[in-house]
Amino acid sequence: MANKKKIEWQKALIYIVPSLIVLFIIAIYPTIYAIWSGFWDYNLHRPDQWVFVGFQNYLKLFSDSRFISSIGKTFLFTFVSVSGTMVLGFLMALLFQKSFKGKNTALALLTIPMVMAPVVSALIWRVFFFEPDVGIVNWLLSLIGVSGPYWVSSSPWALIAAITVNVWFMTPFVMLIMEAALSGLPDETIEAAMIDGAGYWKRVWYIIIPLLKGTIIFTLIFRITIDYRMFDIVYTMTRGGPAFDTELLSLWVYNVALRTFEMGYANAGAVVMMILIGITCLLIVLPVIRKKGELT
C-alpha cells in the first residue's frame, strides 16, 4: 500500500515539478530578488558596485513627493476603474439574463475589447477617439457647441481618458464572470421572492447580490490587483504625463528603473506597491471572513 502511494506521488511529481519550476522562475525568484535588492544602492551604470543601505531606500520613498503623488494617483485610478467595471459589468450581466433576439451576437460584440491587446485598445482610443483635432469625442462635442479638451495632454482629462479606456477594456471580463454566476443561481429562491411581491430591483439587492457575494469579492480582488499595477494602457496613452499627472506606481517604478537606472530604489518602490496591494485585498476579505466565517 505504501509503495503504491509512493508510486502515485512520483507520477504526480512528474506533472507538478515543471509547473513549480516555471512558477519559481517567473514569479517567486523575481519577487525575492526585488525584496533583496531593495536594501541595496544599485545603479545599472555601476553594475559592479552594490552598497548595502538597509532601509534607506524605503525611507527615501516616503520623502519623495513624486512617489507619494503616484500612490494617490494609483488609488484614484484603481477606485474609479474598479467601481466602474464592477457596476457596469454586473448591470450588463443582468441584462443578458433575459432572452432577446440577437443576444448571442450582442454578447460576442461586447466581448471584443477583452480579446484585444491593451496597447492596441489604448492606441485606438488615443488616435480615433481622443485626438483633439480629428477625434470622434471632440467632433461629437462640437456638434453641441462644446470645444473639447486636449484629452491625453492636459489635466485632469488625461487621467479621465485613461480610466475610460480601462473601464471599456475590463468591463466585458466582469460581465462574463457575473453572467456565469447569475446562470447558476437557484431559481426557487428568486421565484419565492417574486411570489412574496418583491420587485425586480429589490430581488437584485436583497437576493441576487447576497447570493453572489463570493463571486463579487473574488472579482473585486482580481480587478484591484490588475489596476494597482496597471501600466500598458496608461503608458501608451499618456506616458505618465502631463507633468506626471498620470504617473501611477507602475510607471514610477519604470521611470526610476529604466530612466535613472536606480534599480535598488525602484525595486523598493515595487515592494511597497506589492504590500499596498496585499493590504487593500486583506481589508476587503477580512471583514467578510470575520462576519460570516467564509466567502459564500
Protein backbone atom coordinates (compact mmCIF):
# COMPACT_ATOMS: atom_id res chain seq x y z
CA MET A 1 0.00 0.00 0.00
CA ALA A 2 2.82 2.35 0.94
CA ASN A 3 4.67 1.51 -2.28
CA LYS A 4 1.54 2.23 -4.30
CA LYS A 5 1.15 5.66 -2.72
CA LYS A 6 4.83 6.34 -3.32
CA ILE A 7 4.47 5.48 -7.00
CA GLU A 8 1.40 7.73 -7.26
CA TRP A 9 3.34 10.62 -5.70
CA GLN A 10 6.23 10.04 -8.09
CA LYS A 11 3.84 10.14 -11.04
CA ALA A 12 2.22 13.30 -9.70
CA LEU A 13 5.61 14.99 -9.28
CA ILE A 14 6.34 14.45 -12.98
CA TYR A 15 3.46 16.81 -13.76
CA ILE A 16 3.84 19.17 -10.78
CA VAL A 17 7.60 19.86 -10.77
CA PRO A 18 7.78 21.52 -14.23
CA SER A 19 4.96 23.89 -13.23
CA LEU A 20 6.70 24.69 -9.93
CA ILE A 21 9.95 25.41 -11.77
CA VAL A 22 8.22 27.80 -14.18
CA LEU A 23 6.39 29.45 -11.26
CA PHE A 24 9.68 29.91 -9.41
CA ILE A 25 11.41 31.43 -12.45
CA ILE A 26 8.67 33.89 -13.46
CA ALA A 27 7.14 34.78 -10.07
CA ILE A 28 8.91 33.66 -6.89
CA TYR A 29 12.52 34.43 -7.84
CA PRO A 30 11.78 37.95 -9.23
CA THR A 31 9.81 38.75 -6.05
CA ILE A 32 12.64 37.58 -3.78
CA TYR A 33 15.18 39.46 -5.92
CA ALA A 34 13.13 42.69 -5.77
CA ILE A 35 12.83 42.47 -1.97
CA TRP A 36 16.53 41.71 -1.55
CA SER A 37 17.80 44.37 -3.98
CA GLY A 38 15.57 46.99 -2.32
CA PHE A 39 18.08 47.04 0.55
CA TRP A 40 20.97 47.96 -1.75
CA ASP A 41 22.13 51.06 -3.59
CA TYR A 42 22.44 49.56 -7.06
CA ASN A 43 22.70 51.54 -10.31
CA LEU A 44 22.86 49.95 -13.75
CA HIS A 45 25.59 52.46 -14.70
CA ARG A 46 27.71 50.84 -11.97
CA PRO A 47 26.68 47.16 -12.12
CA ASP A 48 29.68 46.01 -10.07
CA GLN A 49 29.08 48.44 -7.20
CA TRP A 50 26.48 47.23 -4.74
CA VAL A 51 26.29 49.21 -1.50
CA PHE A 52 24.13 47.89 1.34
CA VAL A 53 21.91 50.71 2.65
CA GLY A 54 19.33 48.78 4.68
CA PHE A 55 16.00 50.59 4.89
CA GLN A 56 17.40 53.81 3.46
CA ASN A 57 15.67 53.29 0.08
CA TYR A 58 12.33 52.77 1.82
CA LEU A 59 12.76 55.85 4.00
CA LYS A 60 13.68 57.84 0.89
CA LEU A 61 10.45 56.74 -0.79
CA PHE A 62 8.22 58.46 1.73
CA SER A 63 10.09 61.73 1.38
CA ASP A 64 9.80 61.55 -2.42
CA SER A 65 6.89 63.76 -3.49
CA ARG A 66 6.61 62.04 -6.87
CA PHE A 67 6.30 58.64 -5.22
CA ILE A 68 3.67 59.86 -2.75
CA SER A 69 1.78 61.50 -5.61
CA SER A 70 1.91 58.28 -7.63
CA ILE A 71 0.34 56.40 -4.71
CA GLY A 72 -2.56 58.88 -4.68
CA LYS A 73 -2.97 58.64 -8.45
CA THR A 74 -2.93 54.84 -8.25
CA PHE A 75 -5.59 54.80 -5.52
CA LEU A 76 -7.80 57.16 -7.54
CA PHE A 77 -7.29 55.28 -10.81
CA THR A 78 -7.97 51.92 -9.16
CA PHE A 79 -11.03 53.07 -7.20
CA VAL A 80 -12.78 54.68 -10.18
CA SER A 81 -11.82 51.96 -12.67
CA VAL A 82 -12.75 49.04 -10.44
CA SER A 83 -16.02 50.68 -9.35
CA GLY A 84 -16.94 51.42 -12.96
CA THR A 85 -16.18 47.94 -14.27
CA MET A 86 -17.91 46.19 -11.36
CA VAL A 87 -21.12 48.20 -11.67
CA LEU A 88 -21.29 48.19 -15.47
CA GLY A 89 -20.26 44.53 -15.73
CA PHE A 90 -22.92 43.48 -13.21
CA LEU A 91 -25.67 45.53 -14.89
CA MET A 92 -24.74 44.12 -18.30
CA ALA A 93 -24.79 40.59 -16.86
CA LEU A 94 -28.29 41.23 -15.51
CA LEU A 95 -29.35 42.39 -18.96
CA PHE A 96 -28.12 39.20 -20.59
CA GLN A 97 -30.10 37.03 -18.18
CA LYS A 98 -33.16 37.87 -20.27
CA SER A 99 -33.65 36.26 -23.65
CA PHE A 100 -33.94 38.57 -26.63
CA LYS A 101 -33.33 38.40 -30.36
CA GLY A 102 -29.65 38.77 -31.23
CA LYS A 103 -28.50 38.05 -27.66
CA ASN A 104 -25.56 35.87 -28.72
CA THR A 105 -24.43 38.39 -31.33
CA ALA A 106 -24.61 41.24 -28.83
CA LEU A 107 -22.68 39.19 -26.27
CA ALA A 108 -19.97 38.42 -28.82
CA LEU A 109 -19.64 42.08 -29.84
CA LEU A 110 -19.41 43.25 -26.22
CA THR A 111 -16.51 40.87 -25.55
CA ILE A 112 -14.39 42.34 -28.38
CA PRO A 113 -12.50 44.75 -26.06
CA MET A 114 -11.42 41.87 -23.85
CA VAL A 115 -9.76 39.93 -26.68
CA MET A 116 -7.79 42.94 -27.94
CA ALA A 117 -4.29 43.68 -26.69
CA PRO A 118 -4.31 46.52 -24.11
CA VAL A 119 -1.78 48.51 -26.13
CA VAL A 120 -3.90 48.20 -29.28
CA SER A 121 -7.00 49.31 -27.37
CA ALA A 122 -5.16 52.32 -25.94
CA LEU A 123 -3.82 53.33 -29.37
CA ILE A 124 -7.26 53.08 -30.96
CA TRP A 125 -8.80 55.29 -28.30
CA ARG A 126 -5.93 57.78 -28.36
CA VAL A 127 -5.86 58.18 -32.16
CA PHE A 128 -9.50 57.76 -33.16
CA PHE A 129 -11.41 58.97 -30.12
CA PHE A 130 -9.27 61.34 -28.04
CA GLU A 131 -7.27 63.09 -30.75
CA PRO A 132 -8.06 66.79 -30.06
CA ASP A 133 -8.42 67.92 -33.68
CA VAL A 134 -9.92 64.96 -35.54
CA GLY A 135 -11.01 62.61 -32.74
CA ILE A 136 -14.57 61.31 -32.56
CA VAL A 137 -15.18 62.53 -28.99
CA ASN A 138 -14.30 66.16 -29.72
CA TRP A 139 -16.21 66.00 -33.01
CA LEU A 140 -19.35 64.87 -31.15
CA LEU A 141 -18.85 67.64 -28.59
CA SER A 142 -18.51 70.20 -31.37
CA LEU A 143 -21.96 69.22 -32.66
CA ILE A 144 -23.47 70.63 -29.46
CA GLY A 145 -21.21 73.66 -29.43
CA VAL A 146 -18.67 72.40 -26.89
CA SER A 147 -14.93 72.76 -27.51
CA GLY A 148 -13.33 69.50 -26.47
CA PRO A 149 -10.12 69.43 -24.38
CA TYR A 150 -6.71 68.04 -25.26
CA TRP A 151 -7.58 64.71 -23.70
CA VAL A 152 -4.23 62.96 -23.28
CA SER A 153 -2.08 66.05 -22.78
CA SER A 154 -4.00 68.14 -20.24
CA SER A 155 -5.04 67.68 -16.64
CA PRO A 156 -7.36 66.18 -15.36
CA TRP A 157 -8.52 64.92 -18.75
CA ALA A 158 -5.54 62.63 -19.28
CA LEU A 159 -6.39 60.58 -16.19
CA ILE A 160 -10.09 60.57 -17.12
CA ALA A 161 -9.22 59.32 -20.61
CA ALA A 162 -7.02 56.53 -19.23
CA ILE A 163 -9.73 55.45 -16.78
CA THR A 164 -12.32 55.46 -19.58
CA VAL A 165 -10.23 53.15 -21.74
CA ASN A 166 -9.50 50.82 -18.83
CA VAL A 167 -13.20 50.58 -17.91
CA TRP A 168 -14.07 49.87 -21.55
CA PHE A 169 -11.35 47.21 -21.73
CA MET A 170 -12.14 45.37 -18.48
CA THR A 171 -15.95 45.59 -18.23
CA PRO A 172 -16.56 42.56 -20.55
CA PHE A 173 -14.37 40.45 -18.26
CA VAL A 174 -16.50 41.31 -15.23
CA MET A 175 -19.66 40.85 -17.27
CA LEU A 176 -18.74 37.28 -18.28
CA ILE A 177 -17.91 36.27 -14.70
CA MET A 178 -21.12 37.75 -13.34
CA GLU A 179 -23.20 36.30 -16.19
CA ALA A 180 -21.87 32.82 -15.46
CA ALA A 181 -22.54 33.26 -11.73
CA LEU A 182 -26.07 34.53 -12.34
CA SER A 183 -26.81 31.50 -14.51
CA GLY A 184 -26.00 29.23 -11.59
CA LEU A 185 -28.32 30.86 -9.05
CA PRO A 186 -31.20 28.74 -7.70
CA ASP A 187 -34.45 29.67 -9.45
CA GLU A 188 -36.53 28.61 -6.45
CA THR A 189 -35.20 31.38 -4.20
CA ILE A 190 -35.80 34.12 -6.77
CA GLU A 191 -39.25 32.76 -7.64
CA ALA A 192 -40.18 32.69 -3.95
CA ALA A 193 -39.23 36.37 -3.67
CA MET A 194 -41.39 37.13 -6.71
CA ILE A 195 -44.35 35.34 -5.15
CA ASP A 196 -43.85 37.39 -1.97
CA GLY A 197 -44.21 40.53 -4.08
CA ALA A 198 -40.58 41.69 -4.23
CA GLY A 199 -39.92 43.96 -7.22
CA TYR A 200 -37.07 43.38 -9.64
CA TRP A 201 -34.53 45.72 -8.03
CA LYS A 202 -35.44 44.51 -4.55
CA ARG A 203 -34.75 40.96 -5.71
CA VAL A 204 -31.41 42.11 -7.11
CA TRP A 205 -30.41 43.93 -3.93
CA TYR A 206 -31.71 41.54 -1.27
CA ILE A 207 -31.49 38.16 -3.04
CA ILE A 208 -29.12 38.14 -6.02
CA ILE A 209 -26.26 40.28 -4.67
CA PRO A 210 -26.01 38.37 -1.33
CA LEU A 211 -26.02 35.07 -3.22
CA LEU A 212 -23.19 36.36 -5.44
CA LYS A 213 -21.11 37.70 -2.54
CA GLY A 214 -18.26 35.22 -3.02
CA THR A 215 -18.08 35.84 -6.77
CA ILE A 216 -18.24 39.61 -6.31
CA ILE A 217 -15.41 39.62 -3.76
CA PHE A 218 -13.24 37.34 -5.90
CA THR A 219 -13.79 39.53 -8.96
CA LEU A 220 -13.22 42.70 -6.93
CA ILE A 221 -9.88 41.47 -5.61
CA PHE A 222 -8.81 40.30 -9.05
CA ARG A 223 -9.68 43.68 -10.56
CA ILE A 224 -7.86 45.56 -7.80
CA THR A 225 -4.67 43.57 -8.32
CA ILE A 226 -4.80 44.31 -12.04
CA ASP A 227 -5.44 48.04 -11.75
CA TYR A 228 -2.95 48.65 -8.94
CA ARG A 229 -0.20 47.53 -11.28
CA MET A 230 -1.70 48.96 -14.46
CA PHE A 231 0.98 50.00 -16.92
CA ASP A 232 0.36 49.32 -20.61
CA ILE A 233 -2.85 51.31 -21.18
CA VAL A 234 -1.71 54.38 -19.23
CA TYR A 235 1.81 54.37 -20.67
CA THR A 236 0.52 54.02 -24.24
CA MET A 237 -1.93 56.88 -23.82
CA THR A 238 -0.11 59.43 -21.68
CA ARG A 239 3.45 58.23 -20.87
CA GLY A 240 2.61 59.31 -17.31
CA GLY A 241 2.04 62.94 -18.29
CA PRO A 242 1.25 65.69 -18.44
CA ALA A 243 3.72 66.70 -15.70
CA PHE A 244 3.45 63.27 -14.02
CA ASP A 245 -0.32 63.70 -13.56
CA THR A 246 -0.95 60.11 -14.67
CA GLU A 247 2.23 58.56 -13.29
CA LEU A 248 0.88 55.53 -11.46
CA LEU A 249 3.09 53.42 -9.19
CA SER A 250 3.96 51.04 -12.01
CA LEU A 251 5.05 53.96 -14.21
CA TRP A 252 7.05 55.43 -11.33
CA VAL A 253 8.93 52.13 -10.95
CA TYR A 254 9.52 52.01 -14.71
CA ASN A 255 10.80 55.59 -14.88
CA VAL A 256 13.15 55.18 -11.92
CA ALA A 257 14.46 51.79 -13.07
CA LEU A 258 14.89 52.41 -16.79
CA ARG A 259 15.45 56.18 -16.96
CA THR A 260 17.55 56.91 -13.87
CA PHE A 261 18.76 53.28 -13.60
CA GLU A 262 18.46 53.28 -9.80
CA MET A 263 17.43 49.65 -9.59
CA GLY A 264 17.61 49.29 -5.81
CA TYR A 265 15.41 52.34 -5.28
CA ALA A 266 12.96 51.22 -7.99
CA ASN A 267 12.67 47.73 -6.51
CA ALA A 268 11.98 49.22 -3.08
CA GLY A 269 9.07 51.10 -4.68
CA ALA A 270 7.87 47.89 -6.35
CA VAL A 271 7.90 46.10 -2.96
CA VAL A 272 5.84 48.91 -1.41
CA MET A 273 3.37 48.60 -4.31
CA MET A 274 3.09 44.86 -3.66
CA ILE A 275 2.49 45.50 0.06
CA LEU A 276 -0.22 48.08 -0.71
CA ILE A 277 -2.00 45.59 -2.98
CA GLY A 278 -1.90 42.95 -0.25
CA ILE A 279 -3.18 45.34 2.43
CA THR A 280 -6.05 46.53 0.22
CA CYS A 281 -7.15 42.98 -0.56
CA LEU A 282 -6.93 41.99 3.12
CA LEU A 283 -9.06 44.97 4.13
CA ILE A 284 -11.75 43.67 1.76
CA VAL A 285 -11.60 40.00 2.70
CA LEU A 286 -11.03 40.04 6.48
CA PRO A 287 -14.29 41.82 7.49
CA VAL A 288 -16.30 39.33 5.44
CA ILE A 289 -14.47 36.33 6.91
CA ARG A 290 -14.88 37.64 10.46
CA LYS A 291 -18.59 38.30 9.94
CA LYS A 292 -19.61 35.03 8.30
CA GLY A 293 -16.59 32.79 8.64
CA GLU A 294 -16.41 32.09 4.92
CA LEU A 295 -16.90 33.63 1.48
CA THR A 296 -20.25 32.22 0.41
